[in-house]
């Protein structure tokens, strides 16, 4: 197995362990055992546990951003681009268990250095994409804050999905990414209409 293959195998297994058990419950020795290597070999690839955590987060998140860029690249309609972003993020949370658990874990107990690493090296690109979409789509005084509201709404629905299904009767659709996408779009469409109306007035 090549060095690059070994590294990818380690990151894949480490991210799964961190997502399912939490950072404090997973040691470097634990990861080494799961990938079938000695701790010394693991330290050859990663200098310490924090280095492994950061690289595991990047491994899980960065490839997802490339997929987002691929699906919106040829889209010019602002509403369509917004819908594709919301659908992309909703599906990641509801269909990629490792991604979802790591996102929620970081938001709850990620330390400052790790959050800075994530913001600068992993999350900056998809967030910038959303900000640019919102600038074209919504009537807003602060596109970055509006982008945060979109992300927060999707995350909130993901975290509450199992409870929401039972609060007002059985609503399994509350846990489906297509329903979340439609709901978020409805919530923000009025602000998009306000932007369109203003453009017509000044046009």
Foldseek 3Di string as FASTA:
>chain_A
DDPVVLLLLLLVQVLVCCLPPNLVVAALCNSCVVSVHHSVVSCVVAVGSVRSVLVSLQSVFAVLLVVLCVVCVPPDDLLVNLLSLLLSVLCCCLPPSSNVSVVVSCVVDNDPVSVVSCCPPGVVVSLVSQLVSCVVAFQDPDSSVVSVVSVVQSNVLSVCVVVVCPPVHGDNCSSPSVSSSVVSSVVGNVRRVVVVVVVVVVD
